[in-house]
C-alpha cells in the first residue's frame, strides 16, 4: 500500500485512503497520516481495516457497491431484513452471504414446473440459464441477525467461518 501511495497517489486515494478516512472519521489524510492517526488513537492498522463498511457512507465517486450489495440494498429497502434492518450493513456481505440468507422458497413443489424439468438433479432453486449446474453450499439456511457479517473472519477460496458467524 505504501508503494502504491508513492507511485500512484491518486489511485491509492481512490482505493483505500477515503475508506480509511471514513473509518477514522477524518478527511483528506493520506496513508502515512492515516497510520499515524490510528496509532495516536491507540489502534492498529489491522483494527482499522476491520471496521465495518457502513451502507450510508458516500464517497466522492458515490456509494461503495457491487452487484450483490445492490441486490441486498433492494432486499433491505423492501423490508426483508426488518425489524433489524438498521443493524445490518449489506456492504459487508459476499455473494455466499446473500444466497445463504433464508429469504428464498423452501418448498420445491412450489417452484415453476419448468424449473428442474430438463435436469436429472433436482435443485432447491431455479437455475434459469447456464451450461453448468450451480452449487450453492448452505443455500437458504441462515436467518439474518444483528451485525451479520461484520466480524466474521474468512479467507478465499472456501471463505470458511466459525459456527454462528
N, C-alpha and C. Protein backbone atom coordinates (compact mmCIF):
# COMPACT_ATOMS: atom_id res chain seq x y z
N UNK A 1 0.83 -1.20 0.00
CA UNK A 1 0.00 0.00 0.00
C UNK A 1 0.87 1.26 0.00
N UNK A 2 1.96 1.22 0.76
CA UNK A 2 2.82 2.41 0.80
C UNK A 2 3.50 2.64 -0.54
N UNK A 3 3.84 1.56 -1.26
CA UNK A 3 4.44 1.71 -2.59
C UNK A 3 3.43 2.37 -3.52
N UNK A 4 2.19 1.83 -3.55
CA UNK A 4 1.15 2.43 -4.39
C UNK A 4 0.90 3.88 -4.01
N UNK A 5 0.94 4.16 -2.72
CA UNK A 5 0.72 5.52 -2.24
C UNK A 5 1.74 6.48 -2.84
N UNK A 6 2.99 6.01 -3.01
CA UNK A 6 4.03 6.87 -3.56
C UNK A 6 4.04 6.87 -5.09
N UNK A 7 3.77 5.72 -5.70
CA UNK A 7 3.83 5.61 -7.16
C UNK A 7 2.57 6.15 -7.83
N UNK A 8 1.42 5.82 -7.28
CA UNK A 8 0.12 6.22 -7.85
C UNK A 8 -0.76 6.83 -6.76
N UNK A 9 -0.44 8.02 -6.28
CA UNK A 9 -1.19 8.59 -5.15
C UNK A 9 -2.68 8.77 -5.43
N UNK A 10 -3.05 9.12 -6.66
CA UNK A 10 -4.47 9.28 -6.98
C UNK A 10 -5.20 7.94 -6.90
N UNK A 11 -4.56 6.90 -7.39
CA UNK A 11 -5.13 5.54 -7.34
C UNK A 11 -5.28 5.10 -5.88
N UNK A 12 -4.25 5.33 -5.09
CA UNK A 12 -4.28 4.95 -3.67
C UNK A 12 -5.40 5.69 -2.94
N UNK A 13 -5.54 6.97 -3.24
CA UNK A 13 -6.59 7.75 -2.59
C UNK A 13 -7.95 7.18 -2.91
N UNK A 14 -8.15 6.78 -4.16
CA UNK A 14 -9.43 6.23 -4.58
C UNK A 14 -9.65 4.83 -4.00
N UNK A 15 -8.61 4.02 -3.93
CA UNK A 15 -8.74 2.63 -3.50
C UNK A 15 -8.93 2.48 -1.99
N UNK A 16 -8.17 3.23 -1.20
CA UNK A 16 -8.28 2.98 0.24
C UNK A 16 -8.21 4.20 1.14
N UNK A 17 -7.58 5.28 0.72
CA UNK A 17 -7.45 6.41 1.64
C UNK A 17 -8.80 6.96 2.10
N UNK A 18 -9.71 7.12 1.16
CA UNK A 18 -11.01 7.67 1.53
C UNK A 18 -11.76 6.73 2.47
N UNK A 19 -11.69 5.42 2.20
CA UNK A 19 -12.35 4.44 3.06
C UNK A 19 -11.73 4.42 4.46
N UNK A 20 -10.42 4.53 4.54
CA UNK A 20 -9.76 4.54 5.85
C UNK A 20 -10.07 5.84 6.59
N UNK A 21 -10.16 6.95 5.87
CA UNK A 21 -10.59 8.21 6.48
C UNK A 21 -12.00 8.09 7.06
N UNK A 22 -12.89 7.41 6.33
CA UNK A 22 -14.26 7.21 6.84
C UNK A 22 -14.21 6.48 8.17
N UNK A 23 -13.36 5.45 8.26
CA UNK A 23 -13.27 4.65 9.47
C UNK A 23 -12.70 5.45 10.65
N UNK A 24 -11.85 6.40 10.34
CA UNK A 24 -11.28 7.26 11.38
C UNK A 24 -12.13 8.51 11.64
N UNK A 25 -13.14 8.73 10.78
CA UNK A 25 -13.95 9.95 10.82
C UNK A 25 -13.09 11.19 10.61
N UNK A 26 -12.16 11.06 9.65
CA UNK A 26 -11.29 12.16 9.25
C UNK A 26 -11.51 12.40 7.76
N UNK A 27 -10.90 13.44 7.23
CA UNK A 27 -10.99 13.73 5.80
C UNK A 27 -9.63 14.13 5.27
N UNK A 28 -9.32 13.61 4.09
CA UNK A 28 -8.15 14.07 3.37
C UNK A 28 -6.80 13.58 3.85
N UNK A 29 -6.76 12.70 4.83
CA UNK A 29 -5.46 12.20 5.27
C UNK A 29 -4.92 11.22 4.24
N UNK A 30 -3.61 11.29 3.97
CA UNK A 30 -3.02 10.28 3.09
C UNK A 30 -2.59 9.09 3.95
N UNK A 31 -2.07 8.05 3.31
CA UNK A 31 -1.79 6.82 4.04
C UNK A 31 -0.84 7.01 5.23
N UNK A 32 0.29 7.70 5.07
CA UNK A 32 1.14 7.90 6.25
C UNK A 32 0.43 8.62 7.39
N UNK A 33 -0.37 9.63 7.04
CA UNK A 33 -1.12 10.35 8.07
C UNK A 33 -2.18 9.47 8.72
N UNK A 34 -2.79 8.59 7.94
CA UNK A 34 -3.78 7.64 8.47
C UNK A 34 -3.12 6.70 9.47
N UNK A 35 -1.95 6.19 9.12
CA UNK A 35 -1.22 5.29 10.02
C UNK A 35 -0.85 5.98 11.33
N UNK A 36 -0.40 7.22 11.23
CA UNK A 36 -0.05 7.99 12.43
C UNK A 36 -1.29 8.24 13.28
N UNK A 37 -2.40 8.61 12.63
CA UNK A 37 -3.64 8.89 13.37
C UNK A 37 -4.17 7.64 14.07
N UNK A 38 -4.12 6.51 13.40
CA UNK A 38 -4.57 5.26 14.02
C UNK A 38 -3.72 4.95 15.25
N UNK A 39 -2.42 5.09 15.13
CA UNK A 39 -1.53 4.83 16.26
C UNK A 39 -1.77 5.83 17.38
N UNK A 40 -1.97 7.11 17.02
CA UNK A 40 -2.24 8.15 18.02
C UNK A 40 -3.46 7.81 18.86
N UNK A 41 -4.44 7.16 18.23
CA UNK A 41 -5.68 6.78 18.92
C UNK A 41 -5.56 5.46 19.66
N UNK A 42 -4.36 4.86 19.64
CA UNK A 42 -4.16 3.61 20.35
C UNK A 42 -4.68 2.40 19.59
N UNK A 43 -4.84 2.56 18.30
CA UNK A 43 -5.35 1.48 17.47
C UNK A 43 -4.24 1.00 16.54
N UNK A 44 -4.51 -0.08 15.86
CA UNK A 44 -3.54 -0.59 14.88
C UNK A 44 -4.15 -0.48 13.49
N UNK A 45 -3.31 -0.61 12.49
CA UNK A 45 -3.78 -0.60 11.12
C UNK A 45 -4.70 -1.80 10.88
N UNK A 46 -4.36 -2.94 11.45
CA UNK A 46 -5.21 -4.14 11.32
C UNK A 46 -6.61 -3.87 11.87
N UNK A 47 -6.69 -3.23 13.03
CA UNK A 47 -8.00 -2.92 13.62
C UNK A 47 -8.78 -1.95 12.74
N UNK A 48 -8.08 -1.00 12.18
CA UNK A 48 -8.72 -0.02 11.29
C UNK A 48 -9.34 -0.71 10.08
N UNK A 49 -8.65 -1.68 9.52
CA UNK A 49 -9.15 -2.41 8.36
C UNK A 49 -10.39 -3.24 8.68
N UNK A 50 -10.59 -3.60 9.93
CA UNK A 50 -11.73 -4.45 10.29
C UNK A 50 -12.98 -3.67 10.68
N UNK A 51 -12.91 -2.36 10.70
CA UNK A 51 -14.11 -1.56 11.00
C UNK A 51 -15.09 -1.75 9.84
N UNK A 52 -16.32 -2.19 10.13
CA UNK A 52 -17.27 -2.49 9.06
C UNK A 52 -17.62 -1.27 8.20
N UNK A 53 -17.74 -1.54 6.91
CA UNK A 53 -18.24 -0.53 5.96
C UNK A 53 -19.68 -0.22 6.34
N UNK A 54 -20.07 1.03 6.24
CA UNK A 54 -21.43 1.44 6.55
C UNK A 54 -22.19 1.70 5.25
N UNK A 55 -23.40 1.18 5.18
CA UNK A 55 -24.20 1.31 3.96
C UNK A 55 -24.45 2.76 3.56
N UNK A 56 -24.47 3.66 4.52
CA UNK A 56 -24.79 5.06 4.20
C UNK A 56 -23.56 5.92 3.89
N UNK A 57 -22.37 5.34 3.89
CA UNK A 57 -21.19 6.11 3.54
C UNK A 57 -21.23 6.46 2.05
N UNK A 58 -21.00 7.74 1.76
CA UNK A 58 -20.95 8.22 0.38
C UNK A 58 -19.52 8.71 0.12
N UNK A 59 -18.93 8.17 -0.92
CA UNK A 59 -17.58 8.55 -1.32
C UNK A 59 -17.65 9.59 -2.43
N UNK A 60 -16.51 10.15 -2.78
CA UNK A 60 -16.51 11.19 -3.81
C UNK A 60 -17.04 10.67 -5.15
N UNK A 61 -16.92 9.35 -5.38
CA UNK A 61 -17.45 8.78 -6.63
C UNK A 61 -18.75 8.01 -6.41
N UNK A 62 -19.40 8.22 -5.27
CA UNK A 62 -20.69 7.58 -4.98
C UNK A 62 -20.61 6.56 -3.86
N UNK A 63 -21.63 5.71 -3.77
CA UNK A 63 -21.68 4.68 -2.74
C UNK A 63 -20.74 3.54 -3.09
N UNK A 64 -20.25 2.87 -2.06
CA UNK A 64 -19.44 1.68 -2.25
C UNK A 64 -20.40 0.52 -2.50
N UNK A 65 -20.32 -0.07 -3.68
CA UNK A 65 -21.29 -1.11 -4.01
C UNK A 65 -20.70 -2.14 -4.96
N UNK A 66 -21.38 -3.23 -5.05
CA UNK A 66 -21.08 -4.29 -6.00
C UNK A 66 -22.43 -4.85 -6.44
N UNK A 67 -22.43 -5.80 -7.32
CA UNK A 67 -23.70 -6.38 -7.78
C UNK A 67 -24.49 -6.95 -6.61
N UNK A 68 -23.81 -7.72 -5.76
CA UNK A 68 -24.52 -8.35 -4.65
C UNK A 68 -25.00 -7.31 -3.63
N UNK A 69 -24.22 -6.28 -3.40
CA UNK A 69 -24.64 -5.22 -2.47
C UNK A 69 -25.86 -4.50 -3.03
N UNK A 70 -25.89 -4.26 -4.33
CA UNK A 70 -27.04 -3.62 -4.96
C UNK A 70 -28.31 -4.44 -4.70
N UNK A 71 -28.24 -5.75 -4.91
CA UNK A 71 -29.40 -6.62 -4.69
C UNK A 71 -29.80 -6.61 -3.21
N UNK A 72 -28.83 -6.71 -2.33
CA UNK A 72 -29.13 -6.73 -0.90
C UNK A 72 -29.69 -5.39 -0.41
N UNK A 73 -29.25 -4.29 -1.02
CA UNK A 73 -29.84 -2.98 -0.69
C UNK A 73 -31.32 -2.98 -1.06
N UNK A 74 -31.66 -3.60 -2.21
CA UNK A 74 -33.07 -3.69 -2.60
C UNK A 74 -33.83 -4.57 -1.60
N UNK A 75 -33.25 -5.69 -1.18
CA UNK A 75 -33.88 -6.53 -0.16
C UNK A 75 -34.11 -5.72 1.12
N UNK A 76 -33.11 -4.94 1.49
CA UNK A 76 -33.20 -4.14 2.71
C UNK A 76 -34.32 -3.11 2.59
N UNK A 77 -34.36 -2.40 1.47
CA UNK A 77 -35.40 -1.40 1.24
C UNK A 77 -36.79 -2.04 1.16
N UNK A 78 -36.86 -3.27 0.68
CA UNK A 78 -38.15 -3.98 0.57
C UNK A 78 -38.61 -4.54 1.91
N UNK A 79 -37.76 -4.46 2.94
CA UNK A 79 -38.16 -4.88 4.27
C UNK A 79 -37.79 -6.30 4.64
N UNK A 80 -37.00 -6.99 3.83
CA UNK A 80 -36.65 -8.37 4.13
C UNK A 80 -35.80 -8.51 5.39
N UNK A 81 -35.07 -7.46 5.76
CA UNK A 81 -34.25 -7.50 6.96
C UNK A 81 -34.96 -6.95 8.20
N UNK A 82 -36.19 -6.48 8.02
CA UNK A 82 -36.94 -5.93 9.17
C UNK A 82 -37.20 -7.04 10.19
N UNK A 83 -37.22 -6.76 11.46
CA UNK A 83 -37.11 -5.45 12.12
C UNK A 83 -35.69 -5.03 12.47
N UNK A 84 -34.68 -5.73 11.96
CA UNK A 84 -33.30 -5.43 12.34
C UNK A 84 -32.52 -4.74 11.21
N UNK A 85 -33.22 -4.19 10.23
CA UNK A 85 -32.56 -3.60 9.05
C UNK A 85 -31.53 -2.54 9.43
N UNK A 86 -31.82 -1.75 10.45
CA UNK A 86 -30.87 -0.70 10.85
C UNK A 86 -29.62 -1.27 11.52
N UNK A 87 -29.62 -2.58 11.80
CA UNK A 87 -28.47 -3.25 12.42
C UNK A 87 -27.73 -4.15 11.42
N UNK A 88 -28.03 -3.99 10.13
CA UNK A 88 -27.41 -4.79 9.08
C UNK A 88 -26.70 -3.85 8.11
N UNK A 89 -25.43 -4.12 7.82
CA UNK A 89 -24.66 -3.38 6.82
C UNK A 89 -24.42 -4.32 5.65
N UNK A 90 -25.23 -4.22 4.60
CA UNK A 90 -25.13 -5.16 3.48
C UNK A 90 -23.83 -4.99 2.69
N UNK A 91 -23.14 -3.88 2.87
CA UNK A 91 -21.85 -3.70 2.22
C UNK A 91 -20.81 -4.67 2.77
N UNK A 92 -21.13 -5.36 3.86
CA UNK A 92 -20.22 -6.36 4.43
C UNK A 92 -20.53 -7.77 3.94
N UNK A 93 -21.51 -7.93 3.06
CA UNK A 93 -21.92 -9.25 2.59
C UNK A 93 -21.17 -9.66 1.32
N UNK A 94 -20.96 -10.97 1.18
CA UNK A 94 -20.41 -11.55 -0.04
C UNK A 94 -21.55 -12.22 -0.80
N UNK A 95 -21.26 -12.75 -1.97
CA UNK A 95 -22.26 -13.49 -2.73
C UNK A 95 -22.77 -14.67 -1.92
N UNK A 96 -21.86 -15.40 -1.27
CA UNK A 96 -22.27 -16.55 -0.46
C UNK A 96 -23.20 -16.10 0.67
N UNK A 97 -22.90 -14.99 1.29
CA UNK A 97 -23.77 -14.47 2.36
C UNK A 97 -25.17 -14.21 1.83
N UNK A 98 -25.26 -13.73 0.60
CA UNK A 98 -26.56 -13.41 0.00
C UNK A 98 -27.38 -14.67 -0.25
N UNK A 99 -26.79 -15.69 -0.83
CA UNK A 99 -27.59 -16.88 -1.16
C UNK A 99 -27.84 -17.79 0.04
N UNK A 100 -27.11 -17.60 1.14
CA UNK A 100 -27.41 -18.40 2.33
C UNK A 100 -28.53 -17.80 3.17
N UNK A 101 -28.89 -16.55 2.90
CA UNK A 101 -30.00 -15.93 3.64
C UNK A 101 -31.28 -16.74 3.46
N UNK A 102 -32.03 -16.88 4.52
CA UNK A 102 -33.30 -17.63 4.47
C UNK A 102 -34.40 -16.71 3.94
N UNK A 103 -34.25 -16.32 2.68
CA UNK A 103 -35.21 -15.44 2.02
C UNK A 103 -35.92 -16.14 0.87
N UNK A 104 -35.55 -17.34 0.56
CA UNK A 104 -35.99 -17.97 -0.67
C UNK A 104 -37.00 -19.08 -0.41
N UNK A 105 -37.70 -19.45 -1.45
CA UNK A 105 -38.70 -20.52 -1.38
C UNK A 105 -38.03 -21.80 -0.87
N UNK A 106 -38.63 -22.42 0.15
CA UNK A 106 -38.04 -23.66 0.67
C UNK A 106 -38.89 -24.89 0.38
N UNK A 107 -39.94 -24.72 -0.39
CA UNK A 107 -40.80 -25.83 -0.79
C UNK A 107 -40.63 -26.03 -2.29
N UNK A 108 -39.83 -27.05 -2.67
CA UNK A 108 -39.52 -27.29 -4.08
C UNK A 108 -40.76 -27.53 -4.93
N UNK A 109 -41.83 -28.01 -4.32
CA UNK A 109 -43.06 -28.25 -5.10
C UNK A 109 -43.71 -26.94 -5.55
N UNK A 110 -43.32 -25.84 -4.95
CA UNK A 110 -43.88 -24.55 -5.33
C UNK A 110 -43.06 -23.85 -6.41
N UNK A 111 -41.93 -24.45 -6.81
CA UNK A 111 -41.13 -23.88 -7.89
C UNK A 111 -41.86 -24.11 -9.21
N UNK A 112 -41.65 -23.27 -10.20
CA UNK A 112 -42.30 -23.47 -11.50
C UNK A 112 -41.96 -24.85 -12.07
N UNK A 113 -42.88 -25.43 -12.81
CA UNK A 113 -42.70 -26.77 -13.38
C UNK A 113 -41.45 -26.85 -14.25
N UNK A 114 -41.19 -25.80 -15.05
CA UNK A 114 -40.04 -25.81 -15.95
C UNK A 114 -38.70 -25.74 -15.23
N UNK A 115 -38.72 -25.41 -13.96
CA UNK A 115 -37.52 -25.13 -13.20
C UNK A 115 -36.49 -26.26 -13.26
N UNK A 116 -36.89 -27.47 -12.98
CA UNK A 116 -35.96 -28.60 -12.95
C UNK A 116 -36.32 -29.69 -13.95
N UNK A 117 -37.26 -29.42 -14.84
CA UNK A 117 -37.74 -30.44 -15.78
C UNK A 117 -36.63 -31.10 -16.59
N UNK A 118 -35.73 -30.34 -17.13
CA UNK A 118 -34.71 -30.89 -18.03
C UNK A 118 -33.46 -31.37 -17.29
N UNK A 119 -33.51 -31.41 -15.97
CA UNK A 119 -32.32 -31.78 -15.19
C UNK A 119 -32.57 -33.07 -14.43
N UNK A 120 -31.57 -33.93 -14.37
CA UNK A 120 -31.67 -35.18 -13.61
C UNK A 120 -31.48 -34.94 -12.12
N UNK A 121 -30.86 -33.83 -11.77
CA UNK A 121 -30.68 -33.46 -10.37
C UNK A 121 -31.66 -32.35 -10.05
N UNK A 122 -32.49 -32.57 -9.06
CA UNK A 122 -33.49 -31.57 -8.69
C UNK A 122 -32.88 -30.60 -7.67
N UNK A 123 -32.65 -29.39 -8.11
CA UNK A 123 -32.08 -28.35 -7.24
C UNK A 123 -33.18 -27.72 -6.40
N UNK A 124 -32.83 -27.15 -5.25
CA UNK A 124 -33.84 -26.47 -4.43
C UNK A 124 -34.14 -25.05 -4.92
N UNK A 125 -33.61 -24.70 -6.08
CA UNK A 125 -33.81 -23.38 -6.67
C UNK A 125 -33.84 -23.53 -8.18
N UNK A 126 -34.27 -22.47 -8.86
CA UNK A 126 -34.30 -22.49 -10.32
C UNK A 126 -33.02 -21.86 -10.86
N UNK A 127 -32.33 -22.62 -11.67
CA UNK A 127 -31.21 -22.06 -12.41
C UNK A 127 -31.73 -21.76 -13.80
N UNK A 128 -31.90 -20.52 -14.11
CA UNK A 128 -32.57 -20.11 -15.34
C UNK A 128 -31.73 -20.37 -16.58
N UNK A 129 -30.45 -20.08 -16.50
CA UNK A 129 -29.58 -20.26 -17.67
C UNK A 129 -28.24 -20.81 -17.24
N UNK A 130 -27.53 -21.32 -18.20
CA UNK A 130 -26.16 -21.76 -17.95
C UNK A 130 -25.94 -23.21 -18.28
N UNK A 131 -24.79 -23.48 -18.80
CA UNK A 131 -24.41 -24.82 -19.21
C UNK A 131 -24.08 -25.69 -18.00
N UNK A 132 -23.55 -25.08 -16.96
CA UNK A 132 -23.11 -25.82 -15.78
C UNK A 132 -24.04 -25.56 -14.61
N UNK A 133 -24.24 -26.59 -13.80
CA UNK A 133 -25.11 -26.50 -12.62
C UNK A 133 -24.41 -25.68 -11.53
N UNK A 134 -25.16 -24.81 -10.93
CA UNK A 134 -24.64 -24.01 -9.82
C UNK A 134 -24.64 -24.85 -8.55
N UNK A 135 -23.59 -24.73 -7.77
CA UNK A 135 -23.54 -25.34 -6.45
C UNK A 135 -23.53 -24.19 -5.45
N UNK A 136 -24.50 -24.18 -4.57
CA UNK A 136 -24.63 -23.10 -3.60
C UNK A 136 -24.66 -23.71 -2.19
N UNK A 137 -23.49 -24.01 -1.64
CA UNK A 137 -23.44 -24.61 -0.29
C UNK A 137 -24.12 -23.71 0.74
N UNK A 138 -25.00 -24.30 1.52
CA UNK A 138 -25.69 -23.54 2.56
C UNK A 138 -26.83 -22.69 2.05
N UNK A 139 -27.27 -22.93 0.82
CA UNK A 139 -28.35 -22.14 0.22
C UNK A 139 -29.57 -22.08 1.14
N UNK A 140 -30.06 -20.86 1.38
CA UNK A 140 -31.32 -20.61 2.09
C UNK A 140 -31.34 -21.20 3.51
N UNK A 141 -30.23 -21.07 4.24
CA UNK A 141 -30.13 -21.69 5.56
C UNK A 141 -29.91 -20.71 6.72
N UNK A 142 -29.65 -19.44 6.44
CA UNK A 142 -29.24 -18.53 7.50
C UNK A 142 -30.27 -17.42 7.73
N UNK A 143 -30.76 -17.35 8.96
CA UNK A 143 -31.63 -16.23 9.34
C UNK A 143 -30.76 -14.99 9.57
N UNK A 144 -31.22 -13.83 9.12
CA UNK A 144 -30.45 -12.60 9.40
C UNK A 144 -30.38 -12.35 10.90
N UNK A 145 -29.30 -11.77 11.34
CA UNK A 145 -29.14 -11.42 12.75
C UNK A 145 -28.41 -10.08 12.84
N UNK A 146 -28.56 -9.35 13.93
CA UNK A 146 -27.92 -8.04 14.05
C UNK A 146 -26.41 -8.11 13.83
N UNK A 147 -25.89 -7.17 13.11
CA UNK A 147 -24.46 -7.02 12.81
C UNK A 147 -23.89 -8.21 12.05
N UNK A 148 -24.76 -8.85 11.28
CA UNK A 148 -24.38 -10.02 10.49
C UNK A 148 -23.21 -9.69 9.57
N UNK A 149 -22.22 -10.56 9.56
CA UNK A 149 -21.04 -10.49 8.69
C UNK A 149 -20.08 -9.33 9.00
N UNK A 150 -20.30 -8.64 10.09
CA UNK A 150 -19.43 -7.51 10.41
C UNK A 150 -18.13 -7.93 11.09
N UNK A 151 -18.10 -9.08 11.69
CA UNK A 151 -16.90 -9.52 12.41
C UNK A 151 -16.54 -10.97 12.10
N UNK A 152 -16.85 -11.40 10.89
CA UNK A 152 -16.63 -12.78 10.51
C UNK A 152 -15.33 -12.92 9.73
N UNK A 153 -14.37 -13.65 10.28
CA UNK A 153 -13.15 -13.88 9.51
C UNK A 153 -13.42 -14.86 8.37
N UNK A 154 -12.80 -14.62 7.23
CA UNK A 154 -12.93 -15.54 6.11
C UNK A 154 -11.79 -15.32 5.14
N UNK A 155 -11.32 -16.40 4.56
CA UNK A 155 -10.25 -16.32 3.57
C UNK A 155 -10.61 -17.16 2.36
N UNK A 156 -10.29 -16.66 1.17
CA UNK A 156 -10.56 -17.44 -0.03
C UNK A 156 -9.67 -18.68 -0.05
N UNK A 157 -10.01 -19.72 -0.77
CA UNK A 157 -11.12 -19.80 -1.70
C UNK A 157 -12.40 -20.34 -1.07
N UNK A 158 -12.35 -20.88 0.14
CA UNK A 158 -13.54 -21.51 0.71
C UNK A 158 -14.36 -20.56 1.58
N UNK A 159 -13.77 -19.49 2.05
CA UNK A 159 -14.44 -18.50 2.89
C UNK A 159 -15.09 -19.18 4.10
N UNK A 160 -14.38 -20.12 4.70
CA UNK A 160 -14.90 -20.81 5.88
C UNK A 160 -14.98 -19.83 7.05
N UNK A 161 -15.98 -20.05 7.86
CA UNK A 161 -16.21 -19.18 9.02
C UNK A 161 -16.52 -20.01 10.25
N UNK A 162 -16.30 -19.42 11.41
CA UNK A 162 -16.70 -20.12 12.64
C UNK A 162 -18.22 -20.32 12.67
N UNK A 163 -18.67 -21.32 13.38
CA UNK A 163 -20.11 -21.57 13.51
C UNK A 163 -20.79 -20.35 14.12
N UNK A 164 -21.95 -20.01 13.58
CA UNK A 164 -22.70 -18.86 14.09
C UNK A 164 -22.25 -17.53 13.53
N UNK A 165 -21.37 -17.58 12.58
CA UNK A 165 -20.88 -16.32 12.00
C UNK A 165 -21.32 -16.23 10.57
